[in-house]
Amino acid sequence: MIHIIENSSSGSDKKGTLEQIIKPYLSNAGEEYKIYFSEKPGDIARIASEITQADETVRILLMGGDGSINELLSGIRDTRKVILSIIPTGSGNDFARSVGIPKDVRLALDIAVKRGRTGIIDLGEITYSDGNSRKFIISSGIGFDAEVCEEAMHSKIKKSLNKVKLGKLSYGLIAAKQIFGASRPDGWFTLDGGEQIPIKKLLFSAFMNEPFEGGGFKFGPNASHQDGKLDICVVDKVPGFMFFVVVPFAMFGKHYMFKNITEYRASRIHIHLDSPMWVHTDGEVTRQADEMDIRVLRSAINITMP
């Protein structure tokens, strides 16, 4: 049985896709399936919780973008007992980009049902000082990139660009708007329980499980979801005007050539800031924080991929 979850607010015409492509494909392949529709925030997490109640392995086919995957993770009872396949219908689709899942629905179905392989990959998890936590599959970040994601979640610009399949451009437009007003606290962080590393005027820090985030920015060019590490991009003491210089290089993972943009790798990170900043997990922004722990969950979920 394949449990199909469709995010009604994500990307393309999924009603037509379901009726004209997915249902006939699965029927011809002899696959049983059940379809669930997400109509509002929180539905995907609720559906995932219901599907994964039993103590058995569950196959889930998710039609959505990176935010849909993140919400799904928050609802799954035990990620190790899930085989997850993705039909990428979001505006950014950074997870699909990172692992090579095509946008073409039929090709993505081939990977999910016939010609793909099942690989078990790491997840990340962020835990706040109040004990609340949230998993992520692509990246988590604190600071400017999360502030951009927070505005994009409510942006009329993004909704308009989504209609013409240019949604990822909204991130660049919002970033250009916000860059000079971003807060820049000091602080420190530790890697795997080591010595404190100082932060001065932090712009943002990204904790990468996959290479891409934010609609195609390659902030983790060396990140791997199977090495038990997160690649950490720390940007501090960088003037706002440098954003316009660095961004084109970040699209190709070449941003570390610039001063005060530093790469680290670790399994556990603790970060403390003098004042709170917005935090995102896979582009989903739920809160601000000034202290948190980030760690890798080794071999945490099964994914079908090329």
Protein backbone atom coordinates (compact mmCIF):
# COMPACT_ATOMS: atom_id res chain seq x y z
CA MET A 1 0.00 0.00 0.00
CA ILE A 2 1.28 3.44 -0.98
CA HIS A 3 -0.08 6.36 1.04
CA ILE A 4 -0.22 9.42 -1.22
CA ILE A 5 -0.26 12.80 0.54
CA GLU A 6 -1.02 15.79 -1.65
CA ASN A 7 -0.26 19.35 -0.53
CA SER A 8 -3.02 21.41 -2.12
CA SER A 9 -1.15 24.71 -1.69
CA SER A 10 2.12 23.58 -3.28
CA GLY A 11 3.11 24.37 -6.85
CA SER A 12 1.37 22.83 -9.84
CA ASP A 13 -2.07 21.50 -10.85
CA LYS A 14 -2.06 18.39 -8.70
CA LYS A 15 -5.70 17.42 -9.28
CA GLY A 16 -4.93 16.91 -12.95
CA THR A 17 -1.65 15.23 -12.08
CA LEU A 18 -3.37 12.77 -9.75
CA GLU A 19 -6.17 11.86 -12.14
CA GLN A 20 -4.26 11.87 -15.41
CA ILE A 21 -0.83 10.55 -14.41
CA ILE A 22 -0.44 9.14 -10.90
CA LYS A 23 -3.60 7.03 -10.57
CA PRO A 24 -3.23 5.36 -14.02
CA TYR A 25 0.48 4.80 -13.43
CA LEU A 26 -0.01 3.05 -10.08
CA SER A 27 -2.94 1.03 -11.36
CA ASN A 28 -0.92 -0.19 -14.35
CA ALA A 29 1.94 -1.06 -11.97
CA GLY A 30 -0.45 -3.12 -9.81
CA GLU A 31 0.11 -0.90 -6.77
CA GLU A 32 -2.58 -0.34 -4.15
CA TYR A 33 -2.84 3.23 -2.91
CA LYS A 34 -4.78 5.62 -0.73
CA ILE A 35 -4.90 9.39 -1.23
CA TYR A 36 -4.95 12.04 1.50
CA PHE A 37 -5.47 15.75 0.86
CA SER A 38 -3.78 18.52 2.85
CA GLU A 39 -5.83 21.72 2.83
CA LYS A 40 -4.27 23.81 5.61
CA PRO A 41 -1.06 24.04 7.68
CA GLY A 42 -0.78 21.12 10.08
CA ASP A 43 -2.76 18.67 7.92
CA ILE A 44 0.33 16.89 6.59
CA ALA A 45 1.70 16.34 10.11
CA ARG A 46 -1.69 15.05 11.30
CA ILE A 47 -2.04 12.69 8.33
CA ALA A 48 1.52 11.43 8.80
CA SER A 49 0.86 10.74 12.47
CA GLU A 50 -2.27 8.75 11.63
CA ILE A 51 -0.57 6.76 8.87
CA THR A 52 2.41 5.81 11.04
CA GLN A 53 0.54 4.79 14.20
CA ALA A 54 0.99 1.06 13.60
CA ASP A 55 4.33 -0.63 14.35
CA GLU A 56 5.11 -1.48 10.72
CA THR A 57 6.95 -0.04 7.75
CA VAL A 58 4.86 2.46 5.75
CA ARG A 59 5.32 3.66 2.16
CA ILE A 60 4.52 7.35 1.69
CA LEU A 61 4.44 9.23 -1.62
CA LEU A 62 4.45 12.97 -0.93
CA MET A 63 3.37 15.50 -3.55
CA GLY A 64 4.80 18.78 -2.29
CA GLY A 65 7.87 20.90 -1.74
CA ASP A 66 10.54 21.17 0.93
CA GLY A 67 8.15 22.67 3.49
CA SER A 68 5.78 19.74 2.98
CA ILE A 69 8.60 17.29 3.69
CA ASN A 70 9.48 19.17 6.87
CA GLU A 71 5.90 19.12 8.11
CA LEU A 72 5.68 15.42 7.27
CA LEU A 73 8.77 14.72 9.41
CA SER A 74 7.17 16.49 12.37
CA GLY A 75 4.22 14.09 12.25
CA ILE A 76 5.90 10.73 11.61
CA ARG A 77 5.99 8.54 14.71
CA ASP A 78 9.21 6.67 13.81
CA THR A 79 11.04 7.88 10.70
CA ARG A 80 13.04 4.64 10.51
CA LYS A 81 9.82 2.79 9.67
CA VAL A 82 8.98 4.96 6.66
CA ILE A 83 9.94 4.59 3.00
CA LEU A 84 9.47 8.09 1.59
CA SER A 85 9.13 9.00 -2.09
CA ILE A 86 8.82 12.55 -3.40
CA ILE A 87 6.96 14.11 -6.31
CA PRO A 88 8.51 17.62 -6.19
CA THR A 89 5.78 20.24 -6.71
CA GLY A 90 7.14 23.11 -4.59
CA SER A 91 8.81 26.34 -5.60
CA GLY A 92 12.30 25.53 -4.29
CA ASN A 93 12.52 21.71 -4.38
CA ASP A 94 15.99 21.74 -2.82
CA PHE A 95 15.74 18.19 -1.51
CA ALA A 96 14.79 16.84 -4.92
CA ARG A 97 17.60 18.88 -6.48
CA SER A 98 20.14 17.56 -3.98
CA VAL A 99 19.31 13.86 -4.45
CA GLY A 100 18.48 14.02 -8.17
CA ILE A 101 14.71 13.50 -8.20
CA PRO A 102 13.37 15.01 -11.46
CA LYS A 103 10.45 17.45 -11.65
CA ASP A 104 8.80 15.36 -14.36
CA VAL A 105 6.04 13.43 -12.59
CA ARG A 106 6.39 10.23 -14.62
CA LEU A 107 10.15 10.11 -14.10
CA ALA A 108 9.71 10.75 -10.37
CA LEU A 109 7.13 7.93 -10.25
CA ASP A 110 9.57 5.61 -12.00
CA ILE A 111 12.04 6.27 -9.18
CA ALA A 112 9.38 5.79 -6.50
CA VAL A 113 7.91 2.57 -7.89
CA LYS A 114 10.09 0.85 -10.48
CA ARG A 115 13.62 2.03 -11.16
CA GLY A 116 14.78 3.81 -8.05
CA ARG A 117 16.76 2.51 -5.12
CA THR A 118 15.95 2.83 -1.45
CA GLY A 119 18.69 4.51 0.55
CA ILE A 120 18.72 5.27 4.25
CA ILE A 121 19.87 8.80 5.01
CA ASP A 122 20.62 11.05 7.96
CA LEU A 123 18.29 13.71 9.29
CA GLY A 124 19.09 16.73 11.42
CA GLU A 125 17.35 17.79 14.60
CA ILE A 126 17.30 21.14 16.36
CA THR A 127 16.43 21.37 20.06
CA TYR A 128 15.63 24.69 21.73
CA SER A 129 16.38 25.72 25.32
CA ASP A 130 12.76 24.98 26.33
CA GLY A 131 13.14 21.36 25.20
CA ASN A 132 11.04 21.62 22.02
CA SER A 133 12.63 20.10 18.93
CA ARG A 134 12.11 19.81 15.19
CA LYS A 135 13.68 17.56 12.54
CA PHE A 136 15.00 18.67 9.15
CA ILE A 137 16.07 16.84 6.01
CA ILE A 138 17.82 19.62 4.04
CA SER A 139 19.07 22.27 6.44
CA SER A 140 18.39 24.41 9.44
CA GLY A 141 19.55 27.97 9.78
CA ILE A 142 19.53 30.92 12.12
CA GLY A 143 19.64 34.58 11.14
CA PHE A 144 19.29 36.23 7.77
CA ASP A 145 18.37 33.15 5.70
CA ALA A 146 15.63 32.29 8.21
CA GLU A 147 14.39 35.89 8.15
CA VAL A 148 14.12 35.62 4.36
CA CYS A 149 12.22 32.32 4.68
CA GLU A 150 9.90 33.84 7.30
CA GLU A 151 8.92 36.68 4.98
CA ALA A 152 8.67 34.35 1.98
CA MET A 153 6.13 32.18 3.83
CA HIS A 154 3.71 35.13 3.83
CA SER A 155 4.91 36.88 0.68
CA LYS A 156 2.53 38.01 -2.06
CA ILE A 157 5.60 38.20 -4.31
CA LYS A 158 6.25 34.47 -3.87
CA LYS A 159 2.59 33.57 -4.48
CA SER A 160 2.59 35.61 -7.68
CA LEU A 161 5.86 34.12 -8.94
CA ASN A 162 4.66 30.59 -8.05
CA LYS A 163 1.84 31.03 -10.57
CA VAL A 164 4.37 31.45 -13.36
CA LYS A 165 6.74 28.80 -11.92
CA LEU A 166 9.34 31.37 -10.83
CA GLY A 167 8.79 31.04 -7.09
CA LYS A 168 12.43 30.59 -6.21
CA LEU A 169 13.20 34.09 -7.50
CA SER A 170 11.19 35.44 -4.59
CA TYR A 171 13.94 34.43 -2.16
CA GLY A 172 16.46 36.62 -3.95
CA LEU A 173 14.10 39.58 -4.13
CA ILE A 174 13.20 39.33 -0.43
CA ALA A 175 16.86 38.88 0.53
CA ALA A 176 17.83 42.04 -1.37
CA LYS A 177 15.07 43.91 0.44
CA GLN A 178 16.09 42.71 3.93
CA ILE A 179 19.88 42.60 3.81
CA PHE A 180 20.58 46.08 5.20
CA GLY A 181 18.08 45.80 8.06
CA ALA A 182 19.10 42.38 9.34
CA SER A 183 19.99 42.10 13.05
CA ARG A 184 23.64 41.16 13.75
CA PRO A 185 24.19 39.76 17.28
CA ASP A 186 27.43 38.45 18.75
CA GLY A 187 27.72 35.04 20.38
CA TRP A 188 29.59 31.75 20.26
CA PHE A 189 29.19 28.12 19.26
CA THR A 190 30.79 24.76 19.98
CA LEU A 191 31.37 21.77 17.70
CA ASP A 192 31.11 18.23 19.12
CA GLY A 193 31.60 19.53 22.66
CA GLY A 194 34.85 21.36 21.90
CA GLU A 195 36.02 24.87 22.73
CA GLN A 196 33.84 27.93 22.19
CA ILE A 197 34.26 29.60 18.82
CA PRO A 198 33.37 33.33 18.94
CA ILE A 199 30.81 34.95 16.63
CA LYS A 200 30.95 38.67 15.82
CA LYS A 201 27.98 40.35 14.13
CA LEU A 202 26.45 37.13 12.82
CA LEU A 203 24.55 37.50 9.56
CA PHE A 204 23.50 33.87 9.45
CA SER A 205 24.60 30.30 10.03
CA ALA A 206 23.29 27.35 8.03
CA PHE A 207 23.52 23.70 9.12
CA MET A 208 23.46 21.64 5.93
CA ASN A 209 22.46 17.99 5.55
CA GLU A 210 22.14 18.46 1.77
CA PRO A 211 24.03 20.80 -0.58
CA PHE A 212 21.18 23.16 -1.55
CA GLU A 213 18.76 25.43 0.31
CA GLY A 214 16.69 28.54 -0.39
CA GLY A 215 15.71 27.60 -3.94
CA GLY A 216 19.10 26.55 -5.29
CA PHE A 217 21.77 28.21 -3.14
CA LYS A 218 24.61 25.72 -2.70
CA PHE A 219 25.56 26.70 0.85
CA GLY A 220 26.72 23.15 1.63
CA PRO A 221 28.72 22.16 -1.47
CA ASN A 222 30.37 19.27 0.38
CA ALA A 223 27.37 18.20 2.46
CA SER A 224 26.37 14.53 2.47
CA HIS A 225 23.29 12.95 4.03
CA GLN A 226 25.15 9.71 4.80
CA ASP A 227 28.31 10.83 6.61
CA GLY A 228 26.94 11.54 10.10
CA LYS A 229 27.97 15.20 9.86
CA LEU A 230 26.38 18.56 9.16
CA ASP A 231 28.26 21.06 7.03
CA ILE A 232 28.07 24.45 8.74
CA CYS A 233 28.26 27.77 6.92
CA VAL A 234 28.95 30.71 9.24
CA VAL A 235 28.72 34.25 7.84
CA ASP A 236 29.77 36.95 10.30
CA LYS A 237 31.55 40.30 10.13
CA VAL A 238 30.40 40.63 6.50
CA PRO A 239 29.08 44.05 5.35
CA GLY A 240 25.60 44.10 3.87
CA PHE A 241 26.75 45.29 0.45
CA MET A 242 28.87 42.12 0.11
CA PHE A 243 25.64 40.12 -0.17
CA PHE A 244 25.26 41.23 -3.78
CA VAL A 245 28.81 40.07 -4.52
CA VAL A 246 28.61 36.73 -2.70
CA VAL A 247 25.16 35.51 -3.82
CA PRO A 248 26.09 34.65 -7.42
CA PHE A 249 29.00 32.58 -6.13
CA ALA A 250 26.76 30.83 -3.56
CA MET A 251 24.63 29.49 -6.41
CA PHE A 252 27.67 27.41 -7.41
CA GLY A 253 29.04 26.68 -3.94
CA LYS A 254 31.99 29.07 -4.37
CA HIS A 255 31.16 31.44 -1.49
CA TYR A 256 33.92 30.16 0.83
CA MET A 257 36.48 32.05 -1.20
CA PHE A 258 35.31 35.23 0.58
CA LYS A 259 36.64 36.46 3.91
CA ASN A 260 34.52 35.79 7.01
CA ILE A 261 32.46 33.07 5.31
CA THR A 262 33.67 29.94 7.06
CA GLU A 263 32.96 26.23 6.69
CA TYR A 264 32.88 23.75 9.58
CA ARG A 265 31.73 20.12 9.97
CA ALA A 266 30.34 18.45 13.08
CA SER A 267 27.77 15.97 14.40
CA ARG A 268 26.67 18.19 17.30
CA ILE A 269 26.53 21.99 17.44
CA HIS A 270 25.57 24.28 20.31
CA ILE A 271 24.99 27.94 19.50
CA HIS A 272 24.46 30.90 21.84
CA LEU A 273 23.65 34.45 20.74
CA ASP A 274 23.31 37.74 22.62
CA SER A 275 19.83 38.27 21.15
CA PRO A 276 17.30 36.00 19.40
CA MET A 277 17.12 35.51 15.64
CA TRP A 278 14.64 33.70 13.42
CA VAL A 279 15.28 29.97 12.94
CA HIS A 280 14.19 27.79 10.02
CA THR A 281 14.06 24.05 9.38
CA ASP A 282 13.89 23.24 5.65
CA GLY A 283 12.69 26.79 5.05
CA GLU A 284 9.86 26.51 7.58
CA VAL A 285 10.08 29.24 10.24
CA THR A 286 8.26 28.66 13.51
CA ARG A 287 10.12 30.73 16.12
CA GLN A 288 13.05 32.89 17.19
CA ALA A 289 15.83 31.64 19.47
CA ASP A 290 19.11 32.72 21.03
CA GLU A 291 20.30 29.29 22.16
CA MET A 292 19.91 25.85 20.62
CA ASP A 293 21.47 22.46 19.96
CA ILE A 294 21.68 20.89 16.51
CA ARG A 295 22.59 17.25 15.94
CA VAL A 296 22.64 14.53 13.29
CA LEU A 297 20.24 11.60 13.49
CA ARG A 298 22.21 8.81 11.82
CA SER A 299 20.49 6.61 9.21
CA ALA A 300 17.10 7.99 10.18
CA ILE A 301 14.78 7.60 7.15
CA ASN A 302 14.48 5.52 3.97
CA ILE A 303 14.24 7.51 0.72
CA THR A 304 13.67 6.33 -2.84
CA MET A 305 16.13 8.08 -5.14
CA PRO A 306 17.90 7.56 -8.48
